[in-house]
Amino acid sequence: MQAVRDVIRERGLRQREAAELFGVAQPRVSDLVRGKVALFSIDTLVDMLAAADVIVDVVIQERRGGPGRRAASRGRRRVQRSDGDR
């Protein structure tokens, strides 16, 4: 979610412009900017980033300490931006 917000901020987009870029309605961008995380699936966020030519790299790892261990880290997310057209 933060990566999508970063794209909006870094490119200086208004919500309407961001909606056009991401291929969603402006109210969806408003929800995103307001941090309404529960309204977005991972698929939706990845699709929005892909529409903005951002490369998304999802890393899935087993928790430290093996399966079922709650004291472990939650894994990582790595987003790599493509600067090829800038």
PDB file of N, CA and C in Angstrom:
ATOM      1  N   MET A   1       0.819  -1.184   0.000  1.00  0.00           N
ATOM      2  CA  MET A   1       0.000   0.000   0.000  1.00  0.00           C
ATOM      3  C   MET A   1       0.866   1.252   0.000  1.00  0.00           C
ATOM      4  N   GLN A   2       1.918   1.240   0.784  1.00  0.00           N
ATOM      5  CA  GLN A   2       2.802   2.394   0.851  1.00  0.00           C
ATOM      6  C   GLN A   2       3.444   2.673  -0.498  1.00  0.00           C
ATOM      7  N   ALA A   3       3.766   1.622  -1.242  1.00  0.00           N
ATOM      8  CA  ALA A   3       4.389   1.811  -2.553  1.00  0.00           C
ATOM      9  C   ALA A   3       3.458   2.558  -3.499  1.00  0.00           C
ATOM     10  N   VAL A   4       2.157   2.273  -3.440  1.00  0.00           N
ATOM     11  CA  VAL A   4       1.194   2.978  -4.295  1.00  0.00           C
ATOM     12  C   VAL A   4       1.125   4.445  -3.883  1.00  0.00           C
ATOM     13  N   ARG A   5       1.090   4.697  -2.592  1.00  0.00           N
ATOM     14  CA  ARG A   5       1.084   6.087  -2.115  1.00  0.00           C
ATOM     15  C   ARG A   5       2.362   6.814  -2.526  1.00  0.00           C
ATOM     16  N   ASP A   6       3.490   6.102  -2.487  1.00  0.00           N
ATOM     17  CA  ASP A   6       4.762   6.700  -2.899  1.00  0.00           C
ATOM     18  C   ASP A   6       4.730   7.116  -4.371  1.00  0.00           C
ATOM     19  N   VAL A   7       4.139   6.283  -5.217  1.00  0.00           N
ATOM     20  CA  VAL A   7       4.032   6.616  -6.643  1.00  0.00           C
ATOM     21  C   VAL A   7       3.239   7.912  -6.807  1.00  0.00           C
ATOM     22  N   ILE A   8       2.136   8.030  -6.099  1.00  0.00           N
ATOM     23  CA  ILE A   8       1.297   9.229  -6.187  1.00  0.00           C
ATOM     24  C   ILE A   8       2.088  10.457  -5.756  1.00  0.00           C
ATOM     25  N   ARG A   9       2.780  10.335  -4.625  1.00  0.00           N
ATOM     26  CA  ARG A   9       3.544  11.474  -4.090  1.00  0.00           C
ATOM     27  C   ARG A   9       4.725  11.830  -4.985  1.00  0.00           C
ATOM     28  N   GLU A  10       5.518  10.822  -5.372  1.00  0.00           N
ATOM     29  CA  GLU A  10       6.727  11.072  -6.160  1.00  0.00           C
ATOM     30  C   GLU A  10       6.418  11.664  -7.532  1.00  0.00           C
ATOM     31  N   ARG A  11       5.291  11.288  -8.104  1.00  0.00           N
ATOM     32  CA  ARG A  11       4.920  11.799  -9.425  1.00  0.00           C
ATOM     33  C   ARG A  11       4.051  13.046  -9.347  1.00  0.00           C
ATOM     34  N   GLY A  12       3.731  13.477  -8.132  1.00  0.00           N
ATOM     35  CA  GLY A  12       2.945  14.691  -7.940  1.00  0.00           C
ATOM     36  C   GLY A  12       1.552  14.603  -8.541  1.00  0.00           C
ATOM     37  N   LEU A  13       0.919  13.429  -8.399  1.00  0.00           N
ATOM     38  CA  LEU A  13      -0.385  13.201  -9.021  1.00  0.00           C
ATOM     39  C   LEU A  13      -1.528  13.659  -8.123  1.00  0.00           C
ATOM     40  N   ARG A  14      -2.541  14.206  -8.738  1.00  0.00           N
ATOM     41  CA  ARG A  14      -3.804  14.452  -8.049  1.00  0.00           C
ATOM     42  C   ARG A  14      -4.554  13.131  -8.043  1.00  0.00           C
ATOM     43  N   GLN A  15      -5.553  13.011  -7.189  1.00  0.00           N
ATOM     44  CA  GLN A  15      -6.285  11.743  -7.082  1.00  0.00           C
ATOM     45  C   GLN A  15      -6.899  11.333  -8.417  1.00  0.00           C
ATOM     46  N   ARG A  16      -7.444  12.270  -9.161  1.00  0.00           N
ATOM     47  CA  ARG A  16      -8.044  11.954 -10.453  1.00  0.00           C
ATOM     48  C   ARG A  16      -6.994  11.401 -11.419  1.00  0.00           C
ATOM     49  N   GLU A  17      -5.818  12.022 -11.432  1.00  0.00           N
ATOM     50  CA  GLU A  17      -4.733  11.575 -12.305  1.00  0.00           C
ATOM     51  C   GLU A  17      -4.238  10.188 -11.883  1.00  0.00           C
ATOM     52  N   ALA A  18      -4.128   9.982 -10.576  1.00  0.00           N
ATOM     53  CA  ALA A  18      -3.704   8.680 -10.066  1.00  0.00           C
ATOM     54  C   ALA A  18      -4.716   7.601 -10.443  1.00  0.00           C
ATOM     55  N   ALA A  19      -5.985   7.931 -10.356  1.00  0.00           N
ATOM     56  CA  ALA A  19      -7.037   6.973 -10.714  1.00  0.00           C
ATOM     57  C   ALA A  19      -6.916   6.564 -12.180  1.00  0.00           C
ATOM     58  N   GLU A  20      -6.659   7.517 -13.052  1.00  0.00           N
ATOM     59  CA  GLU A  20      -6.471   7.211 -14.475  1.00  0.00           C
ATOM     60  C   GLU A  20      -5.250   6.322 -14.674  1.00  0.00           C
ATOM     61  N   LEU A  21      -4.157   6.657 -14.001  1.00  0.00           N
ATOM     62  CA  LEU A  21      -2.926   5.875 -14.125  1.00  0.00           C
ATOM     63  C   LEU A  21      -3.128   4.439 -13.657  1.00  0.00           C
ATOM     64  N   PHE A  22      -3.781   4.272 -12.518  1.00  0.00           N
ATOM     65  CA  PHE A  22      -3.964   2.954 -11.916  1.00  0.00           C
ATOM     66  C   PHE A  22      -5.137   2.179 -12.499  1.00  0.00           C
ATOM     67  N   GLY A  23      -5.989   2.858 -13.271  1.00  0.00           N
ATOM     68  CA  GLY A  23      -7.134   2.180 -13.860  1.00  0.00           C
ATOM     69  C   GLY A  23      -8.241   1.887 -12.870  1.00  0.00           C
ATOM     70  N   VAL A  24      -8.422   2.788 -11.906  1.00  0.00           N
ATOM     71  CA  VAL A  24      -9.471   2.636 -10.894  1.00  0.00           C
ATOM     72  C   VAL A  24     -10.259   3.937 -10.804  1.00  0.00           C
ATOM     73  N   ALA A  25     -11.364   3.914 -10.080  1.00  0.00           N
ATOM     74  CA  ALA A  25     -12.155   5.114  -9.858  1.00  0.00           C
ATOM     75  C   ALA A  25     -11.477   6.002  -8.811  1.00  0.00           C
ATOM     76  N   GLN A  26     -11.715   7.303  -8.896  1.00  0.00           N
ATOM     77  CA  GLN A  26     -11.102   8.251  -7.966  1.00  0.00           C
ATOM     78  C   GLN A  26     -11.426   7.940  -6.508  1.00  0.00           C
ATOM     79  N   PRO A  27     -12.648   7.502  -6.171  1.00  0.00           N
ATOM     80  CA  PRO A  27     -12.902   7.173  -4.760  1.00  0.00           C
ATOM     81  C   PRO A  27     -12.002   6.052  -4.226  1.00  0.00           C
ATOM     82  N   ARG A  28     -11.566   5.142  -5.094  1.00  0.00           N
ATOM     83  CA  ARG A  28     -10.641   4.086  -4.665  1.00  0.00           C
ATOM     84  C   ARG A  28      -9.293   4.691  -4.274  1.00  0.00           C
ATOM     85  N   VAL A  29      -8.839   5.675  -5.035  1.00  0.00           N
ATOM     86  CA  VAL A  29      -7.583   6.354  -4.703  1.00  0.00           C
ATOM     87  C   VAL A  29      -7.744   7.095  -3.380  1.00  0.00           C
ATOM     88  N   SER A  30      -8.886   7.710  -3.178  1.00  0.00           N
ATOM     89  CA  SER A  30      -9.150   8.400  -1.918  1.00  0.00           C
ATOM     90  C   SER A  30      -9.066   7.427  -0.746  1.00  0.00           C
ATOM     91  N   ASP A  31      -9.671   6.251  -0.896  1.00  0.00           N
ATOM     92  CA  ASP A  31      -9.590   5.231   0.151  1.00  0.00           C
ATOM     93  C   ASP A  31      -8.139   4.860   0.437  1.00  0.00           C
ATOM     94  N   LEU A  32      -7.371   4.719  -0.617  1.00  0.00           N
ATOM     95  CA  LEU A  32      -5.964   4.345  -0.480  1.00  0.00           C
ATOM     96  C   LEU A  32      -5.183   5.418   0.268  1.00  0.00           C
ATOM     97  N   VAL A  33      -5.358   6.657  -0.133  1.00  0.00           N
ATOM     98  CA  VAL A  33      -4.647   7.775   0.482  1.00  0.00           C
ATOM     99  C   VAL A  33      -5.024   7.915   1.955  1.00  0.00           C
ATOM    100  N   ARG A  34      -6.251   7.581   2.288  1.00  0.00           N
ATOM    101  CA  ARG A  34      -6.720   7.675   3.683  1.00  0.00           C
ATOM    102  C   ARG A  34      -6.335   6.459   4.515  1.00  0.00           C
ATOM    103  N   GLY A  35      -5.643   5.488   3.892  1.00  0.00           N
ATOM    104  CA  GLY A  35      -5.136   4.343   4.645  1.00  0.00           C
ATOM    105  C   GLY A  35      -6.149   3.255   4.932  1.00  0.00           C
ATOM    106  N   LYS A  36      -7.190   3.169   4.159  1.00  0.00           N
ATOM    107  CA  LYS A  36      -8.223   2.143   4.369  1.00  0.00           C
ATOM    108  C   LYS A  36      -7.750   0.808   3.774  1.00  0.00           C
ATOM    109  N   VAL A  37      -6.804   0.206   4.442  1.00  0.00           N
ATOM    110  CA  VAL A  37      -6.120  -0.996   3.985  1.00  0.00           C
ATOM    111  C   VAL A  37      -7.069  -2.165   3.743  1.00  0.00           C
ATOM    112  N   ALA A  38      -8.029  -2.344   4.600  1.00  0.00           N
ATOM    113  CA  ALA A  38      -8.918  -3.497   4.522  1.00  0.00           C
ATOM    114  C   ALA A  38      -9.742  -3.532   3.235  1.00  0.00           C
ATOM    115  N   LEU A  39      -9.830  -2.402   2.533  1.00  0.00           N
ATOM    116  CA  LEU A  39     -10.627  -2.349   1.306  1.00  0.00           C
ATOM    117  C   LEU A  39      -9.872  -2.856   0.077  1.00  0.00           C
ATOM    118  N   PHE A  40      -8.589  -3.174   0.232  1.00  0.00           N
ATOM    119  CA  PHE A  40      -7.751  -3.539  -0.914  1.00  0.00           C
ATOM    120  C   PHE A  40      -7.159  -4.925  -0.746  1.00  0.00           C
ATOM    121  N   SER A  41      -7.276  -5.728  -1.795  1.00  0.00           N
ATOM    122  CA  SER A  41      -6.599  -7.021  -1.801  1.00  0.00           C
ATOM    123  C   SER A  41      -5.167  -6.811  -2.296  1.00  0.00           C
ATOM    124  N   ILE A  42      -4.329  -7.767  -2.035  1.00  0.00           N
ATOM    125  CA  ILE A  42      -2.957  -7.711  -2.544  1.00  0.00           C
ATOM    126  C   ILE A  42      -2.976  -7.670  -4.066  1.00  0.00           C
ATOM    127  N   ASP A  43      -3.868  -8.449  -4.673  1.00  0.00           N
ATOM    128  CA  ASP A  43      -3.979  -8.464  -6.135  1.00  0.00           C
ATOM    129  C   ASP A  43      -4.286  -7.075  -6.688  1.00  0.00           C
ATOM    130  N   THR A  44      -5.205  -6.375  -6.048  1.00  0.00           N
ATOM    131  CA  THR A  44      -5.569  -5.036  -6.507  1.00  0.00           C
ATOM    132  C   THR A  44      -4.386  -4.088  -6.424  1.00  0.00           C
ATOM    133  N   LEU A  45      -3.666  -4.124  -5.313  1.00  0.00           N
ATOM    134  CA  LEU A  45      -2.505  -3.249  -5.151  1.00  0.00           C
ATOM    135  C   LEU A  45      -1.417  -3.572  -6.167  1.00  0.00           C
ATOM    136  N   VAL A  46      -1.166  -4.854  -6.408  1.00  0.00           N
ATOM    137  CA  VAL A  46      -0.157  -5.253  -7.397  1.00  0.00           C
ATOM    138  C   VAL A  46      -0.585  -4.792  -8.788  1.00  0.00           C
ATOM    139  N   ASP A  47      -1.869  -4.952  -9.123  1.00  0.00           N
ATOM    140  CA  ASP A  47      -2.372  -4.506 -10.422  1.00  0.00           C
ATOM    141  C   ASP A  47      -2.205  -2.992 -10.589  1.00  0.00           C
ATOM    142  N   MET A  48      -2.474  -2.252  -9.527  1.00  0.00           N
ATOM    143  CA  MET A  48      -2.320  -0.798  -9.593  1.00  0.00           C
ATOM    144  C   MET A  48      -0.859  -0.411  -9.831  1.00  0.00           C
ATOM    145  N   LEU A  49       0.052  -1.062  -9.138  1.00  0.00           N
ATOM    146  CA  LEU A  49       1.471  -0.783  -9.328  1.00  0.00           C
ATOM    147  C   LEU A  49       1.934  -1.174 -10.724  1.00  0.00           C
ATOM    148  N   ALA A  50       1.462  -2.297 -11.217  1.00  0.00           N
ATOM    149  CA  ALA A  50       1.828  -2.735 -12.566  1.00  0.00           C
ATOM    150  C   ALA A  50       1.344  -1.727 -13.605  1.00  0.00           C
ATOM    151  N   ALA A  51       0.160  -1.167 -13.402  1.00  0.00           N
ATOM    152  CA  ALA A  51      -0.372  -0.165 -14.323  1.00  0.00           C
ATOM    153  C   ALA A  51       0.505   1.082 -14.348  1.00  0.00           C
ATOM    154  N   ALA A  52       1.232   1.325 -13.268  1.00  0.00           N
ATOM    155  CA  ALA A  52       2.130   2.474 -13.168  1.00  0.00           C
ATOM    156  C   ALA A  52       3.566   2.105 -13.557  1.00  0.00           C
ATOM    157  N   ASP A  53       3.748   0.942 -14.167  1.00  0.00           N
ATOM    158  CA  ASP A  53       5.071   0.452 -14.589  1.00  0.00           C
ATOM    159  C   ASP A  53       6.039   0.269 -13.429  1.00  0.00           C
ATOM    160  N   VAL A  54       5.510  -0.172 -12.300  1.00  0.00           N
ATOM    161  CA  VAL A  54       6.338  -0.486 -11.134  1.00  0.00           C
ATOM    162  C   VAL A  54       6.480  -2.003 -11.075  1.00  0.00           C
ATOM    163  N   ILE A  55       7.698  -2.474 -10.931  1.00  0.00           N
ATOM    164  CA  ILE A  55       7.955  -3.906 -10.809  1.00  0.00           C
ATOM    165  C   ILE A  55       7.717  -4.308  -9.358  1.00  0.00           C
ATOM    166  N   VAL A  56       6.879  -5.306  -9.165  1.00  0.00           N
ATOM    167  CA  VAL A  56       6.569  -5.789  -7.823  1.00  0.00           C
ATOM    168  C   VAL A  56       7.195  -7.165  -7.654  1.00  0.00           C
ATOM    169  N   ASP A  57       7.970  -7.320  -6.620  1.00  0.00           N
ATOM    170  CA  ASP A  57       8.641  -8.581  -6.325  1.00  0.00           C
ATOM    171  C   ASP A  57       8.146  -9.047  -4.963  1.00  0.00           C
ATOM    172  N   VAL A  58       7.355 -10.114  -4.942  1.00  0.00           N
ATOM    173  CA  VAL A  58       6.799 -10.624  -3.691  1.00  0.00           C
ATOM    174  C   VAL A  58       7.703 -11.740  -3.183  1.00  0.00           C
ATOM    175  N   VAL A  59       8.109 -11.618  -1.939  1.00  0.00           N
ATOM    176  CA  VAL A  59       8.980 -12.611  -1.320  1.00  0.00           C
ATOM    177  C   VAL A  59       8.190 -13.299  -0.212  1.00  0.00           C
ATOM    178  N   ILE A  60       8.112 -14.615  -0.289  1.00  0.00           N
ATOM    179  CA  ILE A  60       7.394 -15.383   0.723  1.00  0.00           C
ATOM    180  C   ILE A  60       8.406 -16.237   1.459  1.00  0.00           C
ATOM    181  N   GLN A  61       8.400 -16.118   2.781  1.00  0.00           N
ATOM    182  CA  GLN A  61       9.350 -16.866   3.592  1.00  0.00           C
ATOM    183  C   GLN A  61       8.628 -17.525   4.752  1.00  0.00           C
ATOM    184  N   GLU A  62       9.150 -18.651   5.172  1.00  0.00           N
ATOM    185  CA  GLU A  62       8.630 -19.300   6.371  1.00  0.00           C
ATOM    186  C   GLU A  62       9.068 -18.487   7.577  1.00  0.00           C
ATOM    187  N   ARG A  63       8.230 -18.425   8.574  1.00  0.00           N
ATOM    188  CA  ARG A  63       8.582 -17.692   9.787  1.00  0.00           C
ATOM    189  C   ARG A  63       9.794 -18.314  10.449  1.00  0.00           C
ATOM    190  N   ARG A  64      10.573 -17.469  11.100  1.00  0.00           N
ATOM    191  CA  ARG A  64      11.727 -17.960  11.857  1.00  0.00           C
ATOM    192  C   ARG A  64      11.231 -18.839  12.988  1.00  0.00           C
ATOM    193  N   GLY A  65      11.925 -19.898  13.271  1.00  0.00           N
ATOM    194  CA  GLY A  65      11.530 -20.792  14.349  1.00  0.00           C
ATOM    195  C   GLY A  65      10.628 -21.910  13.877  1.00  0.00           C
ATOM    196  N   GLY A  66      10.332 -21.947  12.568  1.00  0.00           N
ATOM    197  CA  GLY A  66       9.525 -23.034  12.030  1.00  0.00           C
ATOM    198  C   GLY A  66       8.035 -22.741  12.049  1.00  0.00           C
ATOM    199  N   PRO A  67       7.273 -23.660  11.511  1.00  0.00           N
ATOM    200  CA  PRO A  67       5.823 -23.467  11.420  1.00  0.00           C
ATOM    201  C   PRO A  67       5.167 -23.344  12.794  1.00  0.00           C
ATOM    202  N   GLY A  68       4.174 -22.480  12.865  1.00  0.00           N
ATOM    203  CA  GLY A  68       3.389 -22.349  14.090  1.00  0.00           C
ATOM    204  C   GLY A  68       3.999 -21.495  15.180  1.00  0.00           C
ATOM    205  N   ARG A  69       5.170 -20.954  14.965  1.00  0.00           N
ATOM    206  CA  ARG A  69       5.822 -20.136  15.985  1.00  0.00           C
ATOM    207  C   ARG A  69       5.373 -18.694  15.857  1.00  0.00           C
ATOM    208  N   ARG A  70       4.730 -18.159  16.870  1.00  0.00           N
ATOM    209  CA  ARG A  70       4.188 -16.807  16.826  1.00  0.00           C
ATOM    210  C   ARG A  70       5.246 -15.726  17.035  1.00  0.00           C
ATOM    211  N   ALA A  71       6.325 -16.027  17.683  1.00  0.00           N
ATOM    212  CA  ALA A  71       7.320 -15.009  17.999  1.00  0.00           C
ATOM    213  C   ALA A  71       8.212 -14.690  16.811  1.00  0.00           C
ATOM    214  N   ALA A  72       7.863 -15.202  15.676  1.00  0.00           N
ATOM    215  CA  ALA A  72       8.709 -15.045  14.492  1.00  0.00           C
ATOM    216  C   ALA A  72       8.367 -13.772  13.726  1.00  0.00           C
ATOM    217  N   SER A  73       9.270 -13.424  12.811  1.00  0.00           N
ATOM    218  CA  SER A  73       9.000 -12.281  11.936  1.00  0.00           C
ATOM    219  C   SER A  73       7.881 -12.648  10.964  1.00  0.00           C
ATOM    220  N   ARG A  74       7.268 -11.647  10.388  1.00  0.00           N
ATOM    221  CA  ARG A  74       6.134 -11.874   9.500  1.00  0.00           C
ATOM    222  C   ARG A  74       6.527 -11.993   8.036  1.00  0.00           C
ATOM    223  N   GLY A  75       7.780 -12.032   7.693  1.00  0.00           N
ATOM    224  CA  GLY A  75       8.194 -12.103   6.301  1.00  0.00           C
ATOM    225  C   GLY A  75       8.528 -10.717   5.777  1.00  0.00           C
ATOM    226  N   ARG A  76       8.805 -10.648   4.481  1.00  0.00           N
ATOM    227  CA  ARG A  76       9.217  -9.376   3.897  1.00  0.00           C
ATOM    228  C   ARG A  76       8.421  -9.075   2.644  1.00  0.00           C
ATOM    229  N   ARG A  77       8.416  -7.817   2.293  1.00  0.00           N
ATOM    230  CA  ARG A  77       7.852  -7.371   1.032  1.00  0.00           C
ATOM    231  C   ARG A  77       8.894  -6.471   0.399  1.00  0.00           C
ATOM    232  N   ARG A  78       9.185  -6.730  -0.841  1.00  0.00           N
ATOM    233  CA  ARG A  78      10.176  -5.911  -1.528  1.00  0.00           C
ATOM    234  C   ARG A  78       9.545  -5.392  -2.805  1.00  0.00           C
ATOM    235  N   VAL A  79       9.563  -4.092  -2.995  1.00  0.00           N
ATOM    236  CA  VAL A  79       9.034  -3.484  -4.212  1.00  0.00           C
ATOM    237  C   VAL A  79      10.182  -2.770  -4.893  1.00  0.00           C
ATOM    238  N   GLN A  80      10.378  -3.093  -6.129  1.00  0.00           N
ATOM    239  CA  GLN A  80      11.457  -2.504  -6.901  1.00  0.00           C
ATOM    240  C   GLN A  80      10.849  -1.674  -8.015  1.00  0.00           C
ATOM    241  N   ARG A  81      11.212  -0.418  -8.083  1.00  0.00           N
ATOM    242  CA  ARG A  81      10.663   0.465  -9.110  1.00  0.00           C
ATOM    243  C   ARG A  81      11.486   0.374 -10.386  1.00  0.00           C
ATOM    244  N   SER A  82      10.797   0.440 -11.494  1.00  0.00           N
ATOM    245  CA  SER A  82      11.462   0.448 -12.783  1.00  0.00           C
ATOM    246  C   SER A  82      11.684   1.893 -13.193  1.00  0.00           C
ATOM    247  N   ASP A  83      12.925   2.278 -13.413  1.00  0.00           N
ATOM    248  CA  ASP A  83      13.242   3.652 -13.807  1.00  0.00           C
ATOM    249  C   ASP A  83      13.575   3.744 -15.287  1.00  0.00           C
ATOM    250  N   GLY A  84      13.243   2.719 -16.049  1.00  0.00           N
ATOM    251  CA  GLY A  84      13.613   2.647 -17.451  1.00  0.00           C
ATOM    252  C   GLY A  84      13.079   3.781 -18.314  1.00  0.00           C
ATOM    253  N   ASP A  85      11.870   4.274 -18.041  1.00  0.00           N
ATOM    254  CA  ASP A  85      11.271   5.302 -18.893  1.00  0.00           C
ATOM    255  C   ASP A  85      11.377   6.705 -18.324  1.00  0.00           C
ATOM    256  N   ARG A  86      12.062   6.861 -17.207  1.00  0.00           N
ATOM    257  CA  ARG A  86      12.147   8.206 -16.602  1.00  0.00           C
ATOM    258  C   ARG A  86      13.380   8.915 -17.040  1.00  0.00           C
TER     259      ARG A  86
END
